[in-house]
Amino acid sequence: MATTSKTGITEEKLIELYMDTVLENEKIPTSVYKFCKEHKMKEEDFYAHFGSFEALQQSIWSKFFENTMGLLQKNKQYGAMTNEEKMLTFFFTFFENLSLNRSYVLFALKEHKHSIEGLLQLKGLRKDFKEFASGLIGERNEEKNLKILKYNVPLFSEGAWLQFLFLLKFWMEDGSPGFEKTDIAIEKSVTTIFQIFENTPLEKIIDFGKFLYKEKFV
């Protein structure tokens, strides 16, 4: 639930001001003090929501995830989808959200093009996304009677995260109209991964995910 400071400054308003500020100045504010002074607010308004700019940056990615999940839950067909369809729908929706904020996302990631996996700002998103992926594989495991046929949830979620990083880097470099190449990459990668899940030991899938990640990030 969003909170509001005593002066009416909301978490969403701070995020909006921060994103506008970094894009207009092409750099992160040098201090919370200067940021608040520029926008005629007290420092306590900022600290009522975030302890640092780093915490605010993480929150932006978490908002992208929350907005995506909110849209999925509003989709009346989502509940009846297969796990593969749910993953596809998630990726399509998430990257549509990113595209609406492309200028900020490229700014936030441009200095880390070779080390996106370790970015502190993606920490919260990584946790949320892996929980989402774990939920999907948990549903799939419930359909399997034999324990030997069930998938390792932590390994599956880590593989899905590597796939996400691959797609994120692909999207960053995509210059096609409407990012149509990213849509194709999402569909092909998700379809391939789910096909492999049915016939390949998960450890090999993780190796495949690492290969894709390295091919795109090195």
N, C-alpha and C. Protein backbone atom coordinates (compact mmCIF):
# COMPACT_ATOMS: atom_id res chain seq x y z
N MET A 1 0.85 -1.20 0.00
CA MET A 1 0.00 0.00 0.00
C MET A 1 0.88 1.24 0.00
N ALA A 2 0.63 2.19 -0.90
CA ALA A 2 1.44 3.39 -1.00
C ALA A 2 1.22 4.29 0.21
N THR A 3 2.28 4.93 0.67
CA THR A 3 2.19 5.85 1.79
C THR A 3 2.34 7.28 1.29
N THR A 4 1.94 8.22 2.12
CA THR A 4 2.02 9.64 1.79
C THR A 4 2.68 10.38 2.94
N SER A 5 3.61 11.29 2.62
CA SER A 5 4.26 12.06 3.67
C SER A 5 3.28 13.08 4.23
N LYS A 6 3.68 13.76 5.32
CA LYS A 6 2.82 14.73 5.96
C LYS A 6 2.44 15.87 5.03
N THR A 7 3.29 16.17 4.07
CA THR A 7 3.03 17.27 3.15
C THR A 7 2.35 16.79 1.86
N GLY A 8 1.97 15.51 1.81
CA GLY A 8 1.22 15.01 0.67
C GLY A 8 2.06 14.46 -0.46
N ILE A 9 3.37 14.34 -0.26
CA ILE A 9 4.25 13.79 -1.29
C ILE A 9 4.15 12.26 -1.26
N THR A 10 3.75 11.67 -2.37
CA THR A 10 3.59 10.22 -2.44
C THR A 10 4.84 9.56 -3.01
N GLU A 11 4.92 8.25 -2.82
CA GLU A 11 6.01 7.47 -3.39
C GLU A 11 6.01 7.59 -4.91
N GLU A 12 4.84 7.52 -5.51
CA GLU A 12 4.72 7.62 -6.96
C GLU A 12 5.19 8.98 -7.47
N LYS A 13 4.88 10.04 -6.72
CA LYS A 13 5.31 11.38 -7.13
C LYS A 13 6.82 11.51 -7.07
N LEU A 14 7.44 10.97 -6.04
CA LEU A 14 8.90 11.01 -5.93
C LEU A 14 9.55 10.27 -7.10
N ILE A 15 9.00 9.12 -7.45
CA ILE A 15 9.54 8.36 -8.58
C ILE A 15 9.42 9.15 -9.87
N GLU A 16 8.26 9.79 -10.07
CA GLU A 16 8.05 10.60 -11.27
C GLU A 16 9.06 11.75 -11.33
N LEU A 17 9.25 12.44 -10.21
CA LEU A 17 10.19 13.56 -10.16
C LEU A 17 11.62 13.08 -10.41
N TYR A 18 11.97 11.94 -9.82
CA TYR A 18 13.33 11.42 -9.99
C TYR A 18 13.59 11.05 -11.44
N MET A 19 12.66 10.33 -12.07
CA MET A 19 12.84 9.92 -13.46
C MET A 19 12.95 11.13 -14.38
N ASP A 20 12.11 12.14 -14.15
CA ASP A 20 12.18 13.35 -14.96
C ASP A 20 13.51 14.07 -14.75
N THR A 21 13.97 14.11 -13.51
CA THR A 21 15.21 14.82 -13.19
C THR A 21 16.42 14.18 -13.87
N VAL A 22 16.55 12.87 -13.80
CA VAL A 22 17.73 12.22 -14.38
C VAL A 22 17.71 12.31 -15.90
N LEU A 23 16.53 12.31 -16.50
CA LEU A 23 16.45 12.41 -17.96
C LEU A 23 16.74 13.83 -18.43
N GLU A 24 16.26 14.82 -17.70
CA GLU A 24 16.49 16.21 -18.09
C GLU A 24 17.95 16.61 -17.88
N ASN A 25 18.56 16.11 -16.81
CA ASN A 25 19.95 16.49 -16.48
C ASN A 25 20.97 15.47 -16.96
N GLU A 26 20.49 14.30 -17.41
CA GLU A 26 21.34 13.21 -17.90
C GLU A 26 22.36 12.76 -16.85
N LYS A 27 21.95 12.81 -15.60
CA LYS A 27 22.78 12.31 -14.52
C LYS A 27 21.93 12.15 -13.26
N ILE A 28 22.42 11.32 -12.35
CA ILE A 28 21.73 11.12 -11.08
C ILE A 28 21.99 12.33 -10.18
N PRO A 29 21.00 12.81 -9.44
CA PRO A 29 21.22 13.95 -8.54
C PRO A 29 22.40 13.68 -7.60
N THR A 30 23.15 14.70 -7.32
CA THR A 30 24.34 14.52 -6.48
C THR A 30 24.01 14.27 -5.02
N SER A 31 22.84 14.70 -4.58
CA SER A 31 22.45 14.46 -3.19
C SER A 31 20.94 14.58 -3.04
N VAL A 32 20.42 13.96 -1.98
CA VAL A 32 19.00 14.06 -1.68
C VAL A 32 18.65 15.50 -1.34
N TYR A 33 19.56 16.17 -0.68
CA TYR A 33 19.34 17.58 -0.30
C TYR A 33 19.07 18.44 -1.53
N LYS A 34 19.94 18.34 -2.54
CA LYS A 34 19.79 19.15 -3.75
C LYS A 34 18.53 18.75 -4.53
N PHE A 35 18.25 17.46 -4.56
CA PHE A 35 17.05 16.98 -5.25
C PHE A 35 15.80 17.57 -4.62
N CYS A 36 15.74 17.54 -3.30
CA CYS A 36 14.56 18.06 -2.60
C CYS A 36 14.46 19.58 -2.74
N LYS A 37 15.59 20.26 -2.67
CA LYS A 37 15.59 21.72 -2.81
C LYS A 37 15.09 22.13 -4.20
N GLU A 38 15.53 21.38 -5.21
CA GLU A 38 15.13 21.67 -6.59
C GLU A 38 13.62 21.56 -6.76
N HIS A 39 13.02 20.60 -6.04
CA HIS A 39 11.59 20.36 -6.19
C HIS A 39 10.77 20.93 -5.03
N LYS A 40 11.42 21.82 -4.26
CA LYS A 40 10.73 22.57 -3.21
C LYS A 40 10.00 21.65 -2.22
N MET A 41 10.75 20.69 -1.72
CA MET A 41 10.22 19.80 -0.69
C MET A 41 11.26 19.62 0.41
N LYS A 42 10.83 19.10 1.52
CA LYS A 42 11.74 18.84 2.63
C LYS A 42 12.37 17.45 2.47
N GLU A 43 13.56 17.30 3.01
CA GLU A 43 14.22 16.00 2.95
C GLU A 43 13.38 14.92 3.61
N GLU A 44 12.66 15.30 4.66
CA GLU A 44 11.83 14.31 5.35
C GLU A 44 10.75 13.75 4.43
N ASP A 45 10.35 14.52 3.41
CA ASP A 45 9.37 14.02 2.44
C ASP A 45 9.97 12.85 1.65
N PHE A 46 11.23 12.98 1.31
CA PHE A 46 11.92 11.91 0.57
C PHE A 46 12.13 10.70 1.47
N TYR A 47 12.68 10.96 2.66
CA TYR A 47 13.03 9.85 3.55
C TYR A 47 11.82 9.15 4.17
N ALA A 48 10.66 9.74 4.01
CA ALA A 48 9.43 9.06 4.47
C ALA A 48 9.14 7.84 3.61
N HIS A 49 9.75 7.80 2.40
CA HIS A 49 9.50 6.71 1.46
C HIS A 49 10.75 5.91 1.11
N PHE A 50 11.88 6.59 0.98
CA PHE A 50 13.12 5.93 0.55
C PHE A 50 14.30 6.37 1.41
N GLY A 51 15.17 5.43 1.70
CA GLY A 51 16.36 5.74 2.49
C GLY A 51 17.51 6.26 1.66
N SER A 52 17.41 6.11 0.34
CA SER A 52 18.49 6.52 -0.56
C SER A 52 17.98 6.52 -1.99
N PHE A 53 18.78 7.08 -2.90
CA PHE A 53 18.44 7.00 -4.32
C PHE A 53 18.47 5.55 -4.79
N GLU A 54 19.38 4.76 -4.21
CA GLU A 54 19.48 3.35 -4.60
C GLU A 54 18.18 2.62 -4.30
N ALA A 55 17.58 2.92 -3.15
CA ALA A 55 16.31 2.29 -2.78
C ALA A 55 15.20 2.73 -3.74
N LEU A 56 15.23 3.99 -4.13
CA LEU A 56 14.24 4.50 -5.07
C LEU A 56 14.40 3.81 -6.43
N GLN A 57 15.64 3.63 -6.87
CA GLN A 57 15.90 2.97 -8.15
C GLN A 57 15.36 1.54 -8.15
N GLN A 58 15.58 0.83 -7.05
CA GLN A 58 15.04 -0.54 -6.95
C GLN A 58 13.52 -0.52 -7.01
N SER A 59 12.92 0.48 -6.38
CA SER A 59 11.47 0.57 -6.34
C SER A 59 10.88 0.77 -7.73
N ILE A 60 11.59 1.50 -8.60
CA ILE A 60 11.11 1.72 -9.95
C ILE A 60 10.93 0.39 -10.68
N TRP A 61 11.92 -0.49 -10.56
CA TRP A 61 11.84 -1.81 -11.21
C TRP A 61 10.74 -2.66 -10.58
N SER A 62 10.58 -2.52 -9.27
CA SER A 62 9.50 -3.26 -8.61
C SER A 62 8.13 -2.77 -9.09
N LYS A 63 8.04 -1.45 -9.37
CA LYS A 63 6.79 -0.89 -9.89
C LYS A 63 6.49 -1.46 -11.28
N PHE A 64 7.54 -1.61 -12.11
CA PHE A 64 7.34 -2.21 -13.43
C PHE A 64 6.73 -3.61 -13.27
N PHE A 65 7.26 -4.36 -12.30
CA PHE A 65 6.75 -5.72 -12.06
C PHE A 65 5.32 -5.67 -11.54
N GLU A 66 5.06 -4.81 -10.56
CA GLU A 66 3.72 -4.72 -9.97
C GLU A 66 2.69 -4.30 -11.02
N ASN A 67 3.05 -3.34 -11.85
CA ASN A 67 2.14 -2.89 -12.90
C ASN A 67 1.83 -4.03 -13.88
N THR A 68 2.87 -4.81 -14.20
CA THR A 68 2.69 -5.94 -15.10
C THR A 68 1.74 -6.97 -14.50
N MET A 69 1.97 -7.33 -13.24
CA MET A 69 1.13 -8.33 -12.60
C MET A 69 -0.31 -7.82 -12.45
N GLY A 70 -0.44 -6.51 -12.21
CA GLY A 70 -1.78 -5.94 -12.11
C GLY A 70 -2.56 -6.07 -13.42
N LEU A 71 -1.87 -5.84 -14.52
CA LEU A 71 -2.51 -5.98 -15.84
C LEU A 71 -2.85 -7.44 -16.12
N LEU A 72 -1.98 -8.36 -15.71
CA LEU A 72 -2.25 -9.78 -15.93
C LEU A 72 -3.48 -10.22 -15.15
N GLN A 73 -3.61 -9.75 -13.93
CA GLN A 73 -4.75 -10.14 -13.10
C GLN A 73 -6.06 -9.58 -13.66
N LYS A 74 -5.99 -8.47 -14.39
CA LYS A 74 -7.19 -7.90 -14.99
C LYS A 74 -7.60 -8.63 -16.26
N ASN A 75 -6.68 -9.42 -16.79
CA ASN A 75 -6.95 -10.20 -18.00
C ASN A 75 -7.80 -11.41 -17.63
N LYS A 76 -9.05 -11.43 -18.04
CA LYS A 76 -9.98 -12.49 -17.65
C LYS A 76 -9.55 -13.87 -18.17
N GLN A 77 -8.72 -13.90 -19.20
CA GLN A 77 -8.28 -15.16 -19.78
C GLN A 77 -7.02 -15.70 -19.10
N TYR A 78 -6.38 -14.88 -18.28
CA TYR A 78 -5.08 -15.26 -17.71
C TYR A 78 -5.15 -16.53 -16.87
N GLY A 79 -6.17 -16.65 -16.03
CA GLY A 79 -6.28 -17.79 -15.14
C GLY A 79 -6.37 -19.12 -15.85
N ALA A 80 -6.92 -19.13 -17.06
CA ALA A 80 -7.10 -20.37 -17.81
C ALA A 80 -5.92 -20.68 -18.73
N MET A 81 -4.91 -19.82 -18.73
CA MET A 81 -3.76 -20.01 -19.62
C MET A 81 -2.86 -21.13 -19.12
N THR A 82 -2.12 -21.74 -20.03
CA THR A 82 -1.08 -22.69 -19.65
C THR A 82 0.09 -21.92 -19.05
N ASN A 83 1.01 -22.62 -18.40
CA ASN A 83 2.18 -21.96 -17.83
C ASN A 83 3.00 -21.25 -18.90
N GLU A 84 3.13 -21.88 -20.05
CA GLU A 84 3.87 -21.26 -21.14
C GLU A 84 3.19 -19.98 -21.59
N GLU A 85 1.87 -19.99 -21.71
CA GLU A 85 1.13 -18.80 -22.12
C GLU A 85 1.23 -17.70 -21.07
N LYS A 86 1.23 -18.10 -19.79
CA LYS A 86 1.37 -17.11 -18.72
C LYS A 86 2.74 -16.44 -18.77
N MET A 87 3.79 -17.21 -19.02
CA MET A 87 5.12 -16.65 -19.11
C MET A 87 5.23 -15.73 -20.32
N LEU A 88 4.67 -16.15 -21.45
CA LEU A 88 4.68 -15.32 -22.65
C LEU A 88 3.95 -14.00 -22.40
N THR A 89 2.78 -14.09 -21.78
CA THR A 89 1.98 -12.90 -21.51
C THR A 89 2.71 -11.97 -20.56
N PHE A 90 3.36 -12.56 -19.56
CA PHE A 90 4.14 -11.74 -18.63
C PHE A 90 5.22 -10.97 -19.36
N PHE A 91 6.03 -11.66 -20.17
CA PHE A 91 7.13 -11.00 -20.87
C PHE A 91 6.62 -9.92 -21.82
N PHE A 92 5.58 -10.24 -22.60
CA PHE A 92 5.04 -9.25 -23.53
C PHE A 92 4.59 -8.00 -22.79
N THR A 93 3.87 -8.20 -21.68
CA THR A 93 3.35 -7.08 -20.91
C THR A 93 4.46 -6.30 -20.23
N PHE A 94 5.43 -7.01 -19.65
CA PHE A 94 6.53 -6.35 -18.95
C PHE A 94 7.33 -5.47 -19.90
N PHE A 95 7.64 -6.01 -21.07
CA PHE A 95 8.45 -5.23 -22.01
C PHE A 95 7.65 -4.10 -22.65
N GLU A 96 6.34 -4.22 -22.69
CA GLU A 96 5.52 -3.08 -23.12
C GLU A 96 5.64 -1.96 -22.09
N ASN A 97 5.66 -2.32 -20.80
CA ASN A 97 5.85 -1.33 -19.75
C ASN A 97 7.22 -0.67 -19.87
N LEU A 98 8.24 -1.48 -20.14
CA LEU A 98 9.58 -0.92 -20.29
C LEU A 98 9.63 0.03 -21.48
N SER A 99 8.96 -0.34 -22.57
CA SER A 99 8.99 0.50 -23.76
C SER A 99 8.35 1.87 -23.51
N LEU A 100 7.36 1.90 -22.63
CA LEU A 100 6.73 3.18 -22.28
C LEU A 100 7.68 4.07 -21.48
N ASN A 101 8.71 3.45 -20.90
CA ASN A 101 9.70 4.18 -20.09
C ASN A 101 11.11 3.93 -20.62
N ARG A 102 11.22 3.74 -21.93
CA ARG A 102 12.49 3.32 -22.53
C ARG A 102 13.64 4.29 -22.25
N SER A 103 13.38 5.58 -22.35
CA SER A 103 14.45 6.55 -22.15
C SER A 103 15.07 6.41 -20.76
N TYR A 104 14.20 6.24 -19.74
CA TYR A 104 14.74 6.07 -18.39
C TYR A 104 15.48 4.75 -18.24
N VAL A 105 14.89 3.67 -18.75
CA VAL A 105 15.50 2.35 -18.59
C VAL A 105 16.88 2.30 -19.25
N LEU A 106 17.00 2.86 -20.45
CA LEU A 106 18.29 2.88 -21.14
C LEU A 106 19.30 3.71 -20.36
N PHE A 107 18.83 4.82 -19.80
CA PHE A 107 19.72 5.64 -18.97
C PHE A 107 20.20 4.86 -17.75
N ALA A 108 19.26 4.18 -17.10
CA ALA A 108 19.58 3.46 -15.87
C ALA A 108 20.55 2.31 -16.09
N LEU A 109 20.50 1.71 -17.29
CA LEU A 109 21.31 0.52 -17.55
C LEU A 109 22.51 0.77 -18.45
N LYS A 110 22.59 1.93 -19.10
CA LYS A 110 23.61 2.13 -20.13
C LYS A 110 25.03 2.01 -19.61
N GLU A 111 25.26 2.36 -18.35
CA GLU A 111 26.62 2.30 -17.81
C GLU A 111 26.98 0.90 -17.31
N HIS A 112 26.03 -0.03 -17.43
CA HIS A 112 26.26 -1.38 -16.89
C HIS A 112 25.98 -2.44 -17.94
N LYS A 113 26.23 -2.12 -19.20
CA LYS A 113 25.85 -3.03 -20.29
C LYS A 113 26.53 -4.39 -20.20
N HIS A 114 27.66 -4.47 -19.49
CA HIS A 114 28.37 -5.74 -19.40
C HIS A 114 28.20 -6.40 -18.02
N SER A 115 27.38 -5.79 -17.18
CA SER A 115 27.23 -6.37 -15.84
C SER A 115 25.82 -6.19 -15.30
N ILE A 116 24.82 -6.29 -16.17
CA ILE A 116 23.44 -6.08 -15.76
C ILE A 116 23.02 -7.07 -14.67
N GLU A 117 23.53 -8.29 -14.76
CA GLU A 117 23.11 -9.33 -13.82
C GLU A 117 23.36 -8.92 -12.38
N GLY A 118 24.43 -8.17 -12.15
CA GLY A 118 24.78 -7.82 -10.78
C GLY A 118 24.29 -6.46 -10.33
N LEU A 119 23.47 -5.80 -11.13
CA LEU A 119 23.01 -4.47 -10.77
C LEU A 119 22.18 -4.48 -9.50
N LEU A 120 22.54 -3.61 -8.57
CA LEU A 120 21.81 -3.52 -7.31
C LEU A 120 20.36 -3.13 -7.54
N GLN A 121 20.11 -2.28 -8.56
CA GLN A 121 18.76 -1.79 -8.78
C GLN A 121 17.80 -2.89 -9.23
N LEU A 122 18.34 -4.03 -9.70
CA LEU A 122 17.48 -5.14 -10.12
C LEU A 122 17.24 -6.16 -9.00
N LYS A 123 17.78 -5.89 -7.82
CA LYS A 123 17.69 -6.86 -6.72
C LYS A 123 16.25 -7.21 -6.38
N GLY A 124 15.42 -6.19 -6.21
CA GLY A 124 14.02 -6.45 -5.86
C GLY A 124 13.26 -7.12 -6.99
N LEU A 125 13.52 -6.68 -8.21
CA LEU A 125 12.88 -7.30 -9.37
C LEU A 125 13.26 -8.76 -9.48
N ARG A 126 14.52 -9.07 -9.26
CA ARG A 126 14.99 -10.46 -9.35
C ARG A 126 14.22 -11.34 -8.37
N LYS A 127 14.03 -10.86 -7.15
CA LYS A 127 13.28 -11.61 -6.14
C LYS A 127 11.83 -11.81 -6.58
N ASP A 128 11.19 -10.74 -7.03
CA ASP A 128 9.79 -10.82 -7.44
C ASP A 128 9.63 -11.75 -8.65
N PHE A 129 10.53 -11.61 -9.62
CA PHE A 129 10.40 -12.41 -10.84
C PHE A 129 10.63 -13.89 -10.55
N LYS A 130 11.62 -14.20 -9.71
CA LYS A 130 11.89 -15.61 -9.39
C LYS A 130 10.73 -16.22 -8.63
N GLU A 131 10.04 -15.44 -7.80
CA GLU A 131 8.86 -15.94 -7.10
C GLU A 131 7.74 -16.23 -8.09
N PHE A 132 7.60 -15.37 -9.09
CA PHE A 132 6.60 -15.58 -10.14
C PHE A 132 6.91 -16.86 -10.91
N ALA A 133 8.18 -17.03 -11.33
CA ALA A 133 8.58 -18.23 -12.07
C ALA A 133 8.42 -19.48 -11.21
N SER A 134 8.75 -19.37 -9.93
CA SER A 134 8.61 -20.51 -9.01
C SER A 134 7.15 -20.93 -8.90
N GLY A 135 6.26 -19.94 -8.89
CA GLY A 135 4.83 -20.25 -8.82
C GLY A 135 4.36 -21.02 -10.04
N LEU A 136 4.88 -20.66 -11.21
CA LEU A 136 4.50 -21.36 -12.43
C LEU A 136 4.96 -22.81 -12.40
N ILE A 137 6.21 -23.03 -12.00
CA ILE A 137 6.72 -24.40 -11.99
C ILE A 137 6.09 -25.21 -10.87
N GLY A 138 5.69 -24.52 -9.78
CA GLY A 138 4.98 -25.22 -8.72
C GLY A 138 3.65 -25.75 -9.21
N GLU A 139 2.95 -24.95 -10.02
CA GLU A 139 1.69 -25.40 -10.61
C GLU A 139 1.92 -26.60 -11.53
N ARG A 140 3.01 -26.54 -12.28
CA ARG A 140 3.32 -27.63 -13.21
C ARG A 140 3.65 -28.91 -12.44
N ASN A 141 4.34 -28.78 -11.33
CA ASN A 141 4.71 -29.96 -10.53
C ASN A 141 3.48 -30.64 -9.95
N GLU A 142 2.46 -29.87 -9.64
CA GLU A 142 1.24 -30.44 -9.07
C GLU A 142 0.56 -31.39 -10.05
N GLU A 143 0.85 -31.22 -11.34
CA GLU A 143 0.25 -32.06 -12.37
C GLU A 143 1.02 -33.38 -12.53
N LYS A 144 2.19 -33.49 -11.91
CA LYS A 144 3.03 -34.67 -12.08
C LYS A 144 2.92 -35.56 -10.85
N ASN A 145 2.62 -36.82 -11.04
CA ASN A 145 2.43 -37.74 -9.92
C ASN A 145 3.74 -38.25 -9.35
N LEU A 146 4.72 -38.52 -10.21
CA LEU A 146 5.99 -39.06 -9.77
C LEU A 146 6.96 -37.96 -9.41
N LYS A 147 7.60 -38.08 -8.25
CA LYS A 147 8.55 -37.08 -7.78
C LYS A 147 9.70 -36.91 -8.76
N ILE A 148 10.12 -38.02 -9.38
CA ILE A 148 11.26 -37.98 -10.29
C ILE A 148 10.99 -37.11 -11.51
N LEU A 149 9.69 -36.91 -11.84
CA LEU A 149 9.32 -36.12 -13.01
C LEU A 149 9.16 -34.63 -12.68
N LYS A 150 9.21 -34.31 -11.40
CA LYS A 150 8.99 -32.93 -11.00
C LYS A 150 10.26 -32.10 -11.18
N TYR A 151 10.06 -30.81 -11.45
CA TYR A 151 11.18 -29.92 -11.71
C TYR A 151 11.71 -29.31 -10.42
N ASN A 152 13.01 -29.00 -10.42
CA ASN A 152 13.65 -28.33 -9.30
C ASN A 152 13.29 -26.84 -9.37
N VAL A 153 12.50 -26.37 -8.42
CA VAL A 153 11.98 -25.01 -8.48
C VAL A 153 13.08 -23.94 -8.45
N PRO A 154 14.06 -24.01 -7.53
CA PRO A 154 15.12 -22.99 -7.53
C PRO A 154 15.90 -22.93 -8.84
N LEU A 155 16.20 -24.09 -9.42
CA LEU A 155 16.94 -24.11 -10.67
C LEU A 155 16.10 -23.54 -11.81
N PHE A 156 14.82 -23.89 -11.83
CA PHE A 156 13.94 -23.37 -12.87
C PHE A 156 13.86 -21.85 -12.79
N SER A 157 13.67 -21.31 -11.59
CA SER A 157 13.52 -19.86 -11.45
C SER A 157 14.80 -19.13 -11.82
N GLU A 158 15.95 -19.74 -11.53
CA GLU A 158 17.22 -19.12 -11.90
C GLU A 158 17.39 -19.14 -13.42
N GLY A 159 16.97 -20.23 -14.05
CA GLY A 159 17.02 -20.30 -15.50
C GLY A 159 16.12 -19.26 -16.14
N ALA A 160 14.93 -19.06 -15.55
CA ALA A 160 14.00 -18.06 -16.08
C ALA A 160 14.57 -16.66 -15.92
N TRP A 161 15.29 -16.41 -14.82
CA TRP A 161 15.92 -15.10 -14.62
C TRP A 161 17.00 -14.84 -15.66
N LEU A 162 17.80 -15.84 -15.96
CA LEU A 162 18.82 -15.69 -17.00
C LEU A 162 18.17 -15.40 -18.35
N GLN A 163 17.05 -16.05 -18.59
CA GLN A 163 16.31 -15.79 -19.83
C GLN A 163 15.83 -14.34 -19.86
N PHE A 164 15.34 -13.85 -18.73
CA PHE A 164 14.89 -12.46 -18.66
C PHE A 164 16.03 -11.51 -18.96
N LEU A 165 17.22 -11.75 -18.39
CA LEU A 165 18.36 -10.88 -18.64
C LEU A 165 18.75 -10.87 -20.11
N PHE A 166 18.69 -12.04 -20.73
CA PHE A 166 18.98 -12.14 -22.17
C PHE A 166 18.01 -11.27 -22.96
N LEU A 167 16.72 -11.37 -22.64
CA LEU A 167 15.70 -10.61 -23.35
C LEU A 167 15.83 -9.11 -23.07
N LEU A 168 16.22 -8.75 -21.85
CA LEU A 168 16.40 -7.35 -21.51
C LEU A 168 17.51 -6.73 -22.35
N LYS A 169 18.61 -7.43 -22.48
CA LYS A 169 19.72 -6.93 -23.29
C LYS A 169 19.31 -6.88 -24.76
N PHE A 170 18.57 -7.87 -25.22
CA PHE A 170 18.09 -7.89 -26.60
C PHE A 170 17.22 -6.66 -26.86
N TRP A 171 16.30 -6.38 -25.95
CA TRP A 171 15.39 -5.24 -26.08
C TRP A 171 16.15 -3.93 -26.10
N MET A 172 17.20 -3.83 -25.28
CA MET A 172 17.99 -2.60 -25.23
C MET A 172 18.63 -2.30 -26.58
N GLU A 173 18.98 -3.33 -27.32
CA GLU A 173 19.67 -3.16 -28.59
C GLU A 173 18.73 -3.22 -29.80
N ASP A 174 17.45 -3.43 -29.55
CA ASP A 174 16.47 -3.60 -30.63
C ASP A 174 16.09 -2.26 -31.23
N GLY A 175 16.37 -2.08 -32.51
CA GLY A 175 16.00 -0.86 -33.20
C GLY A 175 14.86 -1.06 -34.17
N SER A 176 14.20 -2.20 -34.12
CA SER A 176 13.10 -2.50 -35.05
C SER A 176 11.85 -1.71 -34.68
N PRO A 177 10.97 -1.41 -35.66
CA PRO A 177 9.73 -0.67 -35.39
C PRO A 177 8.87 -1.40 -34.35
N GLY A 178 8.48 -0.66 -33.32
CA GLY A 178 7.62 -1.27 -32.30
C GLY A 178 8.30 -2.39 -31.54
N PHE A 179 9.64 -2.49 -31.67
CA PHE A 179 10.41 -3.54 -31.01
C PHE A 179 9.87 -4.93 -31.35
N GLU A 180 9.51 -5.07 -32.63
CA GLU A 180 8.92 -6.33 -33.08
C GLU A 180 9.90 -7.49 -33.00
N LYS A 181 11.20 -7.21 -33.12
CA LYS A 181 12.19 -8.28 -33.00
C LYS A 181 12.25 -8.82 -31.57
N THR A 182 12.02 -7.95 -30.61
CA THR A 182 11.99 -8.40 -29.21
C THR A 182 10.79 -9.32 -29.00
N ASP A 183 9.65 -8.98 -29.59
CA ASP A 183 8.46 -9.84 -29.47
C ASP A 183 8.75 -11.23 -30.04
N ILE A 184 9.46 -11.26 -31.17
CA ILE A 184 9.81 -12.55 -31.78
C ILE A 184 10.77 -13.32 -30.89
N ALA A 185 11.75 -12.60 -30.31
CA ALA A 185 12.72 -13.24 -29.42
C ALA A 185 12.03 -13.81 -28.18
N ILE A 186 11.05 -13.08 -27.65
CA ILE A 186 10.30 -13.56 -26.48
C ILE A 186 9.57 -14.84 -26.83
N GLU A 187 8.84 -14.82 -27.93
CA GLU A 187 8.04 -15.99 -28.30
C GLU A 187 8.91 -17.21 -28.56
N LYS A 188 9.99 -17.02 -29.32
CA LYS A 188 10.86 -18.15 -29.65
C LYS A 188 11.58 -18.69 -28.42
N SER A 189 12.09 -17.80 -27.57
CA SER A 189 12.85 -18.26 -26.41
C SER A 189 11.97 -18.97 -25.39
N VAL A 190 10.77 -18.42 -25.14
CA VAL A 190 9.86 -19.05 -24.18
C VAL A 190 9.38 -20.40 -24.71
N THR A 191 9.00 -20.45 -25.99
CA THR A 191 8.55 -21.71 -26.58
C THR A 191 9.65 -22.76 -26.54
N THR A 192 10.86 -22.36 -26.88
CA THR A 192 11.99 -23.29 -26.88
C THR A 192 12.29 -23.80 -25.48
N ILE A 193 12.31 -22.88 -24.53
CA ILE A 193 12.62 -23.26 -23.14
C ILE A 193 11.60 -24.26 -22.61
N PHE A 194 10.31 -24.01 -22.86
CA PHE A 194 9.29 -24.92 -22.34
C PHE A 194 9.33 -26.28 -23.04
N GLN A 195 9.71 -26.29 -24.30
CA GLN A 195 9.86 -27.56 -25.00
C GLN A 195 11.04 -28.35 -24.42
N ILE A 196 12.10 -27.65 -24.13
CA ILE A 196 13.28 -28.29 -23.57
C ILE A 196 12.99 -28.83 -22.17
N PHE A 197 12.18 -28.08 -21.41
CA PHE A 197 11.85 -28.52 -20.05
C PHE A 197 11.25 -29.92 -20.02
N GLU A 198 10.50 -30.25 -21.05
CA GLU A 198 9.82 -31.53 -21.07
C GLU A 198 10.75 -32.70 -21.40
N ASN A 199 11.91 -32.40 -21.95
CA ASN A 199 12.77 -33.48 -22.44
C ASN A 199 14.23 -33.42 -22.00
N THR A 200 14.60 -32.39 -21.25
CA THR A 200 16.01 -32.19 -20.92
C THR A 200 16.21 -32.00 -19.42
N PRO A 201 17.25 -32.61 -18.85
CA PRO A 201 17.57 -32.35 -17.44
C PRO A 201 17.74 -30.86 -17.19
N LEU A 202 17.22 -30.37 -16.07
CA LEU A 202 17.20 -28.93 -15.83
C LEU A 202 18.60 -28.32 -15.75
N GLU A 203 19.57 -29.11 -15.29
CA GLU A 203 20.93 -28.59 -15.21
C GLU A 203 21.43 -28.16 -16.59
N LYS A 204 21.04 -28.91 -17.63
CA LYS A 204 21.46 -28.57 -18.98
C LYS A 204 20.73 -27.31 -19.45
N ILE A 205 19.50 -27.10 -18.97
CA ILE A 205 18.77 -25.90 -19.32
C ILE A 205 19.46 -24.68 -18.73
N ILE A 206 19.95 -24.81 -17.49
CA ILE A 206 20.68 -23.72 -16.86
C ILE A 206 21.92 -23.40 -17.66
N ASP A 207 22.62 -24.43 -18.11
CA ASP A 207 23.80 -24.21 -18.95
C ASP A 207 23.42 -23.48 -20.23
N PHE A 208 22.28 -23.86 -20.80
CA PHE A 208 21.80 -23.21 -22.02
C PHE A 208 21.50 -21.73 -21.74
N GLY A 209 20.87 -21.46 -20.60
CA GLY A 209 20.57 -20.08 -20.23
C GLY A 209 21.83 -19.26 -20.05
N LYS A 210 22.84 -19.85 -19.42
CA LYS A 210 24.10 -19.14 -19.24
C LYS A 210 24.77 -18.87 -20.58
N PHE A 211 24.63 -19.82 -21.50
CA PHE A 211 25.21 -19.63 -22.83
C PHE A 211 24.55 -18.44 -23.53
N LEU A 212 23.21 -18.38 -23.49
CA LEU A 212 22.50 -17.26 -24.10
C LEU A 212 22.92 -15.94 -23.46
N TYR A 213 23.04 -15.96 -22.14
CA TYR A 213 23.42 -14.74 -21.41
C TYR A 213 24.79 -14.27 -21.85
N LYS A 214 25.75 -15.17 -21.90
CA LYS A 214 27.10 -14.79 -22.27
C LYS A 214 27.18 -14.32 -23.71
N GLU A 215 26.44 -15.01 -24.60
CA GLU A 215 26.46 -14.64 -26.01
C GLU A 215 25.95 -13.21 -26.20
N LYS A 216 25.03 -12.79 -25.35
CA LYS A 216 24.42 -11.47 -25.53
C LYS A 216 25.14 -10.40 -24.73
N PHE A 217 25.85 -10.78 -23.69
CA PHE A 217 26.41 -9.77 -22.80
C PHE A 217 27.92 -9.62 -22.94
N VAL A 218 28.61 -10.52 -23.60
CA VAL A 218 30.07 -10.43 -23.70
C VAL A 218 30.45 -9.78 -25.02
